[in-house]
PDB file of N, CA and C in Angstrom:
ATOM      1  N   MET A   1      98.472  85.203 100.126  1.00  0.00           N
ATOM      2  CA  MET A   1      98.965  85.479 101.463  1.00  0.00           C
ATOM      3  C   MET A   1     100.338  84.828 101.648  1.00  0.00           C
ATOM      4  N   SER A   2     101.345  85.621 101.890  1.00  0.00           N
ATOM      5  CA  SER A   2     102.748  85.086 102.166  1.00  0.00           C
ATOM      6  C   SER A   2     102.694  84.332 103.471  1.00  0.00           C
ATOM      7  N   ASP A   3     103.524  83.298 103.592  1.00  0.00           N
ATOM      8  CA  ASP A   3     103.653  82.592 104.916  1.00  0.00           C
ATOM      9  C   ASP A   3     105.080  82.611 105.421  1.00  0.00           C
ATOM     10  N   ALA A   4     105.792  83.681 105.154  1.00  0.00           N
ATOM     11  CA  ALA A   4     107.156  83.801 105.674  1.00  0.00           C
ATOM     12  C   ALA A   4     107.055  83.810 107.194  1.00  0.00           C
ATOM     13  N   PRO A   5     108.192  83.292 107.821  1.00  0.00           N
ATOM     14  CA  PRO A   5     108.085  83.253 109.373  1.00  0.00           C
ATOM     15  C   PRO A   5     107.954  84.623 109.936  1.00  0.00           C
ATOM     16  N   PHE A   6     107.284  84.639 111.048  1.00  0.00           N
ATOM     17  CA  PHE A   6     107.064  85.917 111.798  1.00  0.00           C
ATOM     18  C   PHE A   6     108.234  86.021 112.766  1.00  0.00           C
ATOM     19  N   THR A   7     109.020  87.055 112.586  1.00  0.00           N
ATOM     20  CA  THR A   7     110.208  87.269 113.445  1.00  0.00           C
ATOM     21  C   THR A   7     110.325  88.707 113.972  1.00  0.00           C
ATOM     22  N   PRO A   8     109.837  88.967 115.223  1.00  0.00           N
ATOM     23  CA  PRO A   8     109.994  90.314 115.710  1.00  0.00           C
ATOM     24  C   PRO A   8     111.362  90.646 116.098  1.00  0.00           C
ATOM     25  N   PRO A   9     111.767  91.886 116.143  1.00  0.00           N
ATOM     26  CA  PRO A   9     113.110  92.211 116.467  1.00  0.00           C
ATOM     27  C   PRO A   9     113.544  91.712 117.882  1.00  0.00           C
ATOM     28  N   SER A  10     114.748  91.528 118.130  1.00  0.00           N
ATOM     29  CA  SER A  10     115.235  90.960 119.394  1.00  0.00           C
ATOM     30  C   SER A  10     115.126  92.030 120.521  1.00  0.00           C
ATOM     31  N   ASP A  11     115.020  93.315 120.146  1.00  0.00           N
ATOM     32  CA  ASP A  11     114.874  94.357 121.210  1.00  0.00           C
ATOM     33  C   ASP A  11     113.475  94.751 121.469  1.00  0.00           C
ATOM     34  N   LEU A  12     112.529  93.967 121.107  1.00  0.00           N
ATOM     35  CA  LEU A  12     111.078  94.192 121.339  1.00  0.00           C
ATOM     36  C   LEU A  12     110.519  93.375 122.399  1.00  0.00           C
ATOM     37  N   ILE A  13     109.821  94.062 123.277  1.00  0.00           N
ATOM     38  CA  ILE A  13     109.115  93.461 124.438  1.00  0.00           C
ATOM     39  C   ILE A  13     107.561  93.591 124.105  1.00  0.00           C
ATOM     40  N   ALA A  14     106.904  92.473 124.257  1.00  0.00           N
ATOM     41  CA  ALA A  14     105.419  92.446 124.076  1.00  0.00           C
ATOM     42  C   ALA A  14     104.776  91.961 125.275  1.00  0.00           C
ATOM     43  N   ARG A  15     103.794  92.701 125.793  1.00  0.00           N
ATOM     44  CA  ARG A  15     103.016  92.324 126.992  1.00  0.00           C
ATOM     45  C   ARG A  15     101.536  92.557 126.756  1.00  0.00           C
ATOM     46  N   ARG A  16     100.739  91.530 127.220  1.00  0.00           N
ATOM     47  CA  ARG A  16      99.318  91.655 127.169  1.00  0.00           C
ATOM     48  C   ARG A  16      98.891  92.551 128.308  1.00  0.00           C
ATOM     49  N   VAL A  17      98.041  93.513 128.002  1.00  0.00           N
ATOM     50  CA  VAL A  17      97.420  94.427 129.023  1.00  0.00           C
ATOM     51  C   VAL A  17      95.920  94.425 128.709  1.00  0.00           C
ATOM     52  N   GLY A  18      95.193  93.644 129.561  1.00  0.00           N
ATOM     53  CA  GLY A  18      93.772  93.516 129.242  1.00  0.00           C
ATOM     54  C   GLY A  18      93.576  92.892 127.914  1.00  0.00           C
ATOM     55  N   ASP A  19      92.777  93.543 127.090  1.00  0.00           N
ATOM     56  CA  ASP A  19      92.528  93.034 125.707  1.00  0.00           C
ATOM     57  C   ASP A  19      93.538  93.497 124.703  1.00  0.00           C
ATOM     58  N   THR A  20      94.482  94.315 125.077  1.00  0.00           N
ATOM     59  CA  THR A  20      95.430  94.895 124.127  1.00  0.00           C
ATOM     60  C   THR A  20      96.753  94.273 124.328  1.00  0.00           C
ATOM     61  N   MET A  21      97.690  94.560 123.314  1.00  0.00           N
ATOM     62  CA  MET A  21      99.055  94.059 123.467  1.00  0.00           C
ATOM     63  C   MET A  21      99.893  95.383 123.349  1.00  0.00           C
ATOM     64  N   VAL A  22     100.782  95.563 124.319  1.00  0.00           N
ATOM     65  CA  VAL A  22     101.720  96.683 124.317  1.00  0.00           C
ATOM     66  C   VAL A  22     103.100  96.233 123.849  1.00  0.00           C
ATOM     67  N   LEU A  23     103.545  96.896 122.802  1.00  0.00           N
ATOM     68  CA  LEU A  23     104.917  96.539 122.327  1.00  0.00           C
ATOM     69  C   LEU A  23     105.878  97.724 122.612  1.00  0.00           C
ATOM     70  N   ILE A  24     106.967  97.342 123.204  1.00  0.00           N
ATOM     71  CA  ILE A  24     107.996  98.399 123.461  1.00  0.00           C
ATOM     72  C   ILE A  24     109.299  98.045 122.705  1.00  0.00           C
ATOM     73  N   ARG A  25     109.747  98.985 121.849  1.00  0.00           N
ATOM     74  CA  ARG A  25     111.026  98.767 121.161  1.00  0.00           C
ATOM     75  C   ARG A  25     112.107  99.386 122.001  1.00  0.00           C
ATOM     76  N   LEU A  26     112.964  98.597 122.623  1.00  0.00           N
ATOM     77  CA  LEU A  26     113.927  99.061 123.499  1.00  0.00           C
ATOM     78  C   LEU A  26     115.022  99.957 122.925  1.00  0.00           C
ATOM     79  N   ASN A  27     115.348  99.730 121.654  1.00  0.00           N
ATOM     80  CA  ASN A  27     116.366 100.632 121.023  1.00  0.00           C
ATOM     81  C   ASN A  27     115.858 101.999 120.818  1.00  0.00           C
ATOM     82  N   THR A  28     114.582 102.184 120.692  1.00  0.00           N
ATOM     83  CA  THR A  28     114.081 103.544 120.356  1.00  0.00           C
ATOM     84  C   THR A  28     113.161 104.063 121.528  1.00  0.00           C
ATOM     85  N   ASN A  29     112.807 103.189 122.487  1.00  0.00           N
ATOM     86  CA  ASN A  29     111.870 103.527 123.578  1.00  0.00           C
ATOM     87  C   ASN A  29     110.518 103.903 123.028  1.00  0.00           C
ATOM     88  N   ARG A  30     110.184 103.440 121.820  1.00  0.00           N
ATOM     89  CA  ARG A  30     108.830 103.724 121.312  1.00  0.00           C
ATOM     90  C   ARG A  30     107.915 102.656 121.808  1.00  0.00           C
ATOM     91  N   ILE A  31     106.676 103.051 122.092  1.00  0.00           N
ATOM     92  CA  ILE A  31     105.606 102.163 122.601  1.00  0.00           C
ATOM     93  C   ILE A  31     104.484 102.095 121.565  1.00  0.00           C
ATOM     94  N   TYR A  32     104.008 100.906 121.344  1.00  0.00           N
ATOM     95  CA  TYR A  32     102.976 100.650 120.344  1.00  0.00           C
ATOM     96  C   TYR A  32     101.874  99.886 121.141  1.00  0.00           C
ATOM     97  N   GLU A  33     100.590 100.070 120.659  1.00  0.00           N
ATOM     98  CA  GLU A  33      99.519  99.328 121.232  1.00  0.00           C
ATOM     99  C   GLU A  33      98.708  98.590 120.213  1.00  0.00           C
ATOM    100  N   LEU A  34      98.413  97.361 120.326  1.00  0.00           N
ATOM    101  CA  LEU A  34      97.622  96.685 119.354  1.00  0.00           C
ATOM    102  C   LEU A  34      96.232  96.440 120.024  1.00  0.00           C
ATOM    103  N   ASN A  35      95.152  96.582 119.229  1.00  0.00           N
ATOM    104  CA  ASN A  35      93.822  96.311 119.758  1.00  0.00           C
ATOM    105  C   ASN A  35      93.583  94.891 120.006  1.00  0.00           C
ATOM    106  N   ALA A  36      92.478  94.438 120.420  1.00  0.00           N
ATOM    107  CA  ALA A  36      92.234  93.018 120.790  1.00  0.00           C
ATOM    108  C   ALA A  36      92.462  92.062 119.574  1.00  0.00           C
ATOM    109  N   THR A  37      92.039  92.484 118.450  1.00  0.00           N
ATOM    110  CA  THR A  37      92.269  91.610 117.244  1.00  0.00           C
ATOM    111  C   THR A  37      93.683  91.536 116.879  1.00  0.00           C
ATOM    112  N   GLY A  38      94.360  92.672 116.923  1.00  0.00           N
ATOM    113  CA  GLY A  38      95.867  92.721 116.638  1.00  0.00           C
ATOM    114  C   GLY A  38      96.609  91.983 117.657  1.00  0.00           C
ATOM    115  N   ALA A  39      96.126  92.024 118.908  1.00  0.00           N
ATOM    116  CA  ALA A  39      96.863  91.314 119.978  1.00  0.00           C
ATOM    117  C   ALA A  39      96.804  89.797 119.756  1.00  0.00           C
ATOM    118  N   ARG A  40      95.572  89.401 119.379  1.00  0.00           N
ATOM    119  CA  ARG A  40      95.385  87.919 119.161  1.00  0.00           C
ATOM    120  C   ARG A  40      96.265  87.458 117.928  1.00  0.00           C
ATOM    121  N   ILE A  41      96.273  88.221 116.864  1.00  0.00           N
ATOM    122  CA  ILE A  41      97.070  87.904 115.686  1.00  0.00           C
ATOM    123  C   ILE A  41      98.526  87.838 116.129  1.00  0.00           C
ATOM    124  N   TRP A  42      98.970  88.761 116.862  1.00  0.00           N
ATOM    125  CA  TRP A  42     100.398  88.801 117.374  1.00  0.00           C
ATOM    126  C   TRP A  42     100.673  87.576 118.195  1.00  0.00           C
ATOM    127  N   GLU A  43      99.812  87.157 119.057  1.00  0.00           N
ATOM    128  CA  GLU A  43     100.085  85.935 119.899  1.00  0.00           C
ATOM    129  C   GLU A  43     100.192  84.754 119.011  1.00  0.00           C
ATOM    130  N   LEU A  44      99.279  84.597 118.078  1.00  0.00           N
ATOM    131  CA  LEU A  44      99.300  83.383 117.273  1.00  0.00           C
ATOM    132  C   LEU A  44     100.538  83.302 116.388  1.00  0.00           C
ATOM    133  N   LEU A  45     100.852  84.399 115.743  1.00  0.00           N
ATOM    134  CA  LEU A  45     102.096  84.452 114.936  1.00  0.00           C
ATOM    135  C   LEU A  45     103.262  84.227 115.773  1.00  0.00           C
ATOM    136  N   ASN A  46     103.366  84.920 116.917  1.00  0.00           N
ATOM    137  CA  ASN A  46     104.567  84.651 117.791  1.00  0.00           C
ATOM    138  C   ASN A  46     104.668  83.325 118.375  1.00  0.00           C
ATOM    139  N   ALA A  47     103.536  82.598 118.414  1.00  0.00           N
ATOM    140  CA  ALA A  47     103.604  81.207 118.872  1.00  0.00           C
ATOM    141  C   ALA A  47     104.004  80.247 117.722  1.00  0.00           C
ATOM    142  N   GLY A  48     104.303  80.770 116.582  1.00  0.00           N
ATOM    143  CA  GLY A  48     104.837  80.011 115.397  1.00  0.00           C
ATOM    144  C   GLY A  48     103.796  79.524 114.436  1.00  0.00           C
ATOM    145  N   GLN A  49     102.523  79.983 114.571  1.00  0.00           N
ATOM    146  CA  GLN A  49     101.525  79.606 113.647  1.00  0.00           C
ATOM    147  C   GLN A  49     101.691  80.369 112.322  1.00  0.00           C
ATOM    148  N   THR A  50     101.361  79.704 111.173  1.00  0.00           N
ATOM    149  CA  THR A  50     101.458  80.400 109.883  1.00  0.00           C
ATOM    150  C   THR A  50     100.272  81.341 109.795  1.00  0.00           C
ATOM    151  N   ARG A  51     100.300  82.215 108.755  1.00  0.00           N
ATOM    152  CA  ARG A  51      99.238  83.160 108.543  1.00  0.00           C
ATOM    153  C   ARG A  51      97.940  82.317 108.237  1.00  0.00           C
ATOM    154  N   VAL A  52      98.073  81.254 107.503  1.00  0.00           N
ATOM    155  CA  VAL A  52      96.857  80.410 107.211  1.00  0.00           C
ATOM    156  C   VAL A  52      96.293  79.864 108.464  1.00  0.00           C
ATOM    157  N   GLN A  53      97.130  79.340 109.337  1.00  0.00           N
ATOM    158  CA  GLN A  53      96.702  78.818 110.615  1.00  0.00           C
ATOM    159  C   GLN A  53      96.029  79.907 111.513  1.00  0.00           C
ATOM    160  N   VAL A  54      96.615  81.095 111.492  1.00  0.00           N
ATOM    161  CA  VAL A  54      96.061  82.263 112.267  1.00  0.00           C
ATOM    162  C   VAL A  54      94.637  82.584 111.640  1.00  0.00           C
ATOM    163  N   ALA A  55      94.521  82.629 110.361  1.00  0.00           N
ATOM    164  CA  ALA A  55      93.244  82.986 109.783  1.00  0.00           C
ATOM    165  C   ALA A  55      92.175  81.915 110.166  1.00  0.00           C
ATOM    166  N   GLU A  56      92.593  80.668 110.253  1.00  0.00           N
ATOM    167  CA  GLU A  56      91.607  79.590 110.532  1.00  0.00           C
ATOM    168  C   GLU A  56      91.245  79.730 111.980  1.00  0.00           C
ATOM    169  N   ALA A  57      92.140  80.047 112.863  1.00  0.00           N
ATOM    170  CA  ALA A  57      91.907  80.201 114.353  1.00  0.00           C
ATOM    171  C   ALA A  57      90.975  81.384 114.527  1.00  0.00           C
ATOM    172  N   LEU A  58      91.237  82.493 113.907  1.00  0.00           N
ATOM    173  CA  LEU A  58      90.423  83.691 114.034  1.00  0.00           C
ATOM    174  C   LEU A  58      89.079  83.472 113.446  1.00  0.00           C
ATOM    175  N   SER A  59      88.935  82.748 112.410  1.00  0.00           N
ATOM    176  CA  SER A  59      87.605  82.418 111.861  1.00  0.00           C
ATOM    177  C   SER A  59      86.722  81.756 112.880  1.00  0.00           C
ATOM    178  N   ALA A  60      87.354  80.943 113.674  1.00  0.00           N
ATOM    179  CA  ALA A  60      86.568  80.254 114.708  1.00  0.00           C
ATOM    180  C   ALA A  60      86.285  81.152 115.950  1.00  0.00           C
ATOM    181  N   GLU A  61      87.136  82.162 116.162  1.00  0.00           N
ATOM    182  CA  GLU A  61      86.994  83.044 117.369  1.00  0.00           C
ATOM    183  C   GLU A  61      86.159  84.326 117.030  1.00  0.00           C
ATOM    184  N   PHE A  62      86.140  84.765 115.867  1.00  0.00           N
ATOM    185  CA  PHE A  62      85.545  86.045 115.571  1.00  0.00           C
ATOM    186  C   PHE A  62      84.450  85.909 114.534  1.00  0.00           C
ATOM    187  N   ASP A  63      83.461  86.721 114.563  1.00  0.00           N
ATOM    188  CA  ASP A  63      82.358  86.696 113.603  1.00  0.00           C
ATOM    189  C   ASP A  63      82.762  87.564 112.404  1.00  0.00           C
ATOM    190  N   ALA A  64      83.629  87.033 111.513  1.00  0.00           N
ATOM    191  CA  ALA A  64      84.075  87.696 110.327  1.00  0.00           C
ATOM    192  C   ALA A  64      84.394  86.725 109.261  1.00  0.00           C
ATOM    193  N   SER A  65      84.365  87.178 107.998  1.00  0.00           N
ATOM    194  CA  SER A  65      84.614  86.233 106.917  1.00  0.00           C
ATOM    195  C   SER A  65      86.161  85.996 106.897  1.00  0.00           C
ATOM    196  N   ARG A  66      86.495  84.898 106.237  1.00  0.00           N
ATOM    197  CA  ARG A  66      87.978  84.492 106.053  1.00  0.00           C
ATOM    198  C   ARG A  66      88.624  85.606 105.306  1.00  0.00           C
ATOM    199  N   ASP A  67      88.033  86.258 104.303  1.00  0.00           N
ATOM    200  CA  ASP A  67      88.659  87.306 103.546  1.00  0.00           C
ATOM    201  C   ASP A  67      88.898  88.542 104.490  1.00  0.00           C
ATOM    202  N   GLU A  68      87.905  88.859 105.266  1.00  0.00           N
ATOM    203  CA  GLU A  68      88.115  89.970 106.209  1.00  0.00           C
ATOM    204  C   GLU A  68      89.275  89.757 107.173  1.00  0.00           C
ATOM    205  N   ILE A  69      89.302  88.512 107.676  1.00  0.00           N
ATOM    206  CA  ILE A  69      90.391  88.104 108.612  1.00  0.00           C
ATOM    207  C   ILE A  69      91.784  88.159 107.868  1.00  0.00           C
ATOM    208  N   GLN A  70      91.808  87.660 106.674  1.00  0.00           N
ATOM    209  CA  GLN A  70      93.137  87.637 105.963  1.00  0.00           C
ATOM    210  C   GLN A  70      93.560  89.056 105.675  1.00  0.00           C
ATOM    211  N   THR A  71      92.566  89.961 105.293  1.00  0.00           N
ATOM    212  CA  THR A  71      92.950  91.338 105.083  1.00  0.00           C
ATOM    213  C   THR A  71      93.416  92.013 106.352  1.00  0.00           C
ATOM    214  N   ALA A  72      92.831  91.776 107.521  1.00  0.00           N
ATOM    215  CA  ALA A  72      93.224  92.255 108.823  1.00  0.00           C
ATOM    216  C   ALA A  72      94.637  91.818 109.158  1.00  0.00           C
ATOM    217  N   ILE A  73      94.931  90.518 108.904  1.00  0.00           N
ATOM    218  CA  ILE A  73      96.250  89.954 109.188  1.00  0.00           C
ATOM    219  C   ILE A  73      97.289  90.718 108.437  1.00  0.00           C
ATOM    220  N   GLU A  74      97.068  90.842 107.056  1.00  0.00           N
ATOM    221  CA  GLU A  74      98.034  91.505 106.193  1.00  0.00           C
ATOM    222  C   GLU A  74      98.141  92.957 106.501  1.00  0.00           C
ATOM    223  N   ALA A  75      97.127  93.599 106.842  1.00  0.00           N
ATOM    224  CA  ALA A  75      97.150  95.021 107.241  1.00  0.00           C
ATOM    225  C   ALA A  75      97.977  95.257 108.489  1.00  0.00           C
ATOM    226  N   LEU A  76      97.813  94.381 109.428  1.00  0.00           N
ATOM    227  CA  LEU A  76      98.545  94.477 110.694  1.00  0.00           C
ATOM    228  C   LEU A  76     100.045  94.230 110.429  1.00  0.00           C
ATOM    229  N   LEU A  77     100.354  93.222 109.637  1.00  0.00           N
ATOM    230  CA  LEU A  77     101.753  92.890 109.290  1.00  0.00           C
ATOM    231  C   LEU A  77     102.340  94.051 108.519  1.00  0.00           C
ATOM    232  N   ASP A  78     101.638  94.678 107.565  1.00  0.00           N
ATOM    233  CA  ASP A  78     102.143  95.741 106.816  1.00  0.00           C
ATOM    234  C   ASP A  78     102.467  96.963 107.773  1.00  0.00           C
ATOM    235  N   SER A  79     101.581  97.219 108.644  1.00  0.00           N
ATOM    236  CA  SER A  79     101.801  98.277 109.688  1.00  0.00           C
ATOM    237  C   SER A  79     103.039  97.985 110.560  1.00  0.00           C
ATOM    238  N   LEU A  80     103.096  96.768 111.004  1.00  0.00           N
ATOM    239  CA  LEU A  80     104.303  96.363 111.906  1.00  0.00           C
ATOM    240  C   LEU A  80     105.607  96.482 111.077  1.00  0.00           C
ATOM    241  N   ARG A  81     105.589  96.101 109.805  1.00  0.00           N
ATOM    242  CA  ARG A  81     106.786  96.263 108.989  1.00  0.00           C
ATOM    243  C   ARG A  81     107.192  97.670 108.789  1.00  0.00           C
ATOM    244  N   GLU A  82     106.247  98.511 108.557  1.00  0.00           N
ATOM    245  CA  GLU A  82     106.446  99.933 108.401  1.00  0.00           C
ATOM    246  C   GLU A  82     107.037 100.577 109.622  1.00  0.00           C
ATOM    247  N   GLN A  83     106.704 100.057 110.838  1.00  0.00           N
ATOM    248  CA  GLN A  83     107.287 100.526 112.056  1.00  0.00           C
ATOM    249  C   GLN A  83     108.520  99.797 112.501  1.00  0.00           C
ATOM    250  N   GLY A  84     108.992  98.869 111.683  1.00  0.00           N
ATOM    251  CA  GLY A  84     110.229  98.084 112.037  1.00  0.00           C
ATOM    252  C   GLY A  84     110.038  97.053 113.065  1.00  0.00           C
ATOM    253  N   LEU A  85     108.778  96.594 113.227  1.00  0.00           N
ATOM    254  CA  LEU A  85     108.466  95.621 114.283  1.00  0.00           C
ATOM    255  C   LEU A  85     108.460  94.153 113.902  1.00  0.00           C
ATOM    256  N   THR A  86     108.764  93.937 112.605  1.00  0.00           N
ATOM    257  CA  THR A  86     108.901  92.546 112.116  1.00  0.00           C
ATOM    258  C   THR A  86     110.129  92.448 111.277  1.00  0.00           C
TER     259      THR A  86
END
């Protein structure tokens, strides 16, 4: 698992809406929504935690194995990269 710093684009606004996170890319006016797990991953990464720290925090919060959590983190980051959100 890579631990490169998490850096969202400067034109991205992220707001929590209930259990989800809404991301708005101002340059394109595209809107994205992260589910509860994705929202929590986003919050922790955006707060400066490493992927390892995020996996540890989520292991304590969710009923899932460390491997499942690491896979979810990487899948989310891959998806965010594909959309130009990191």
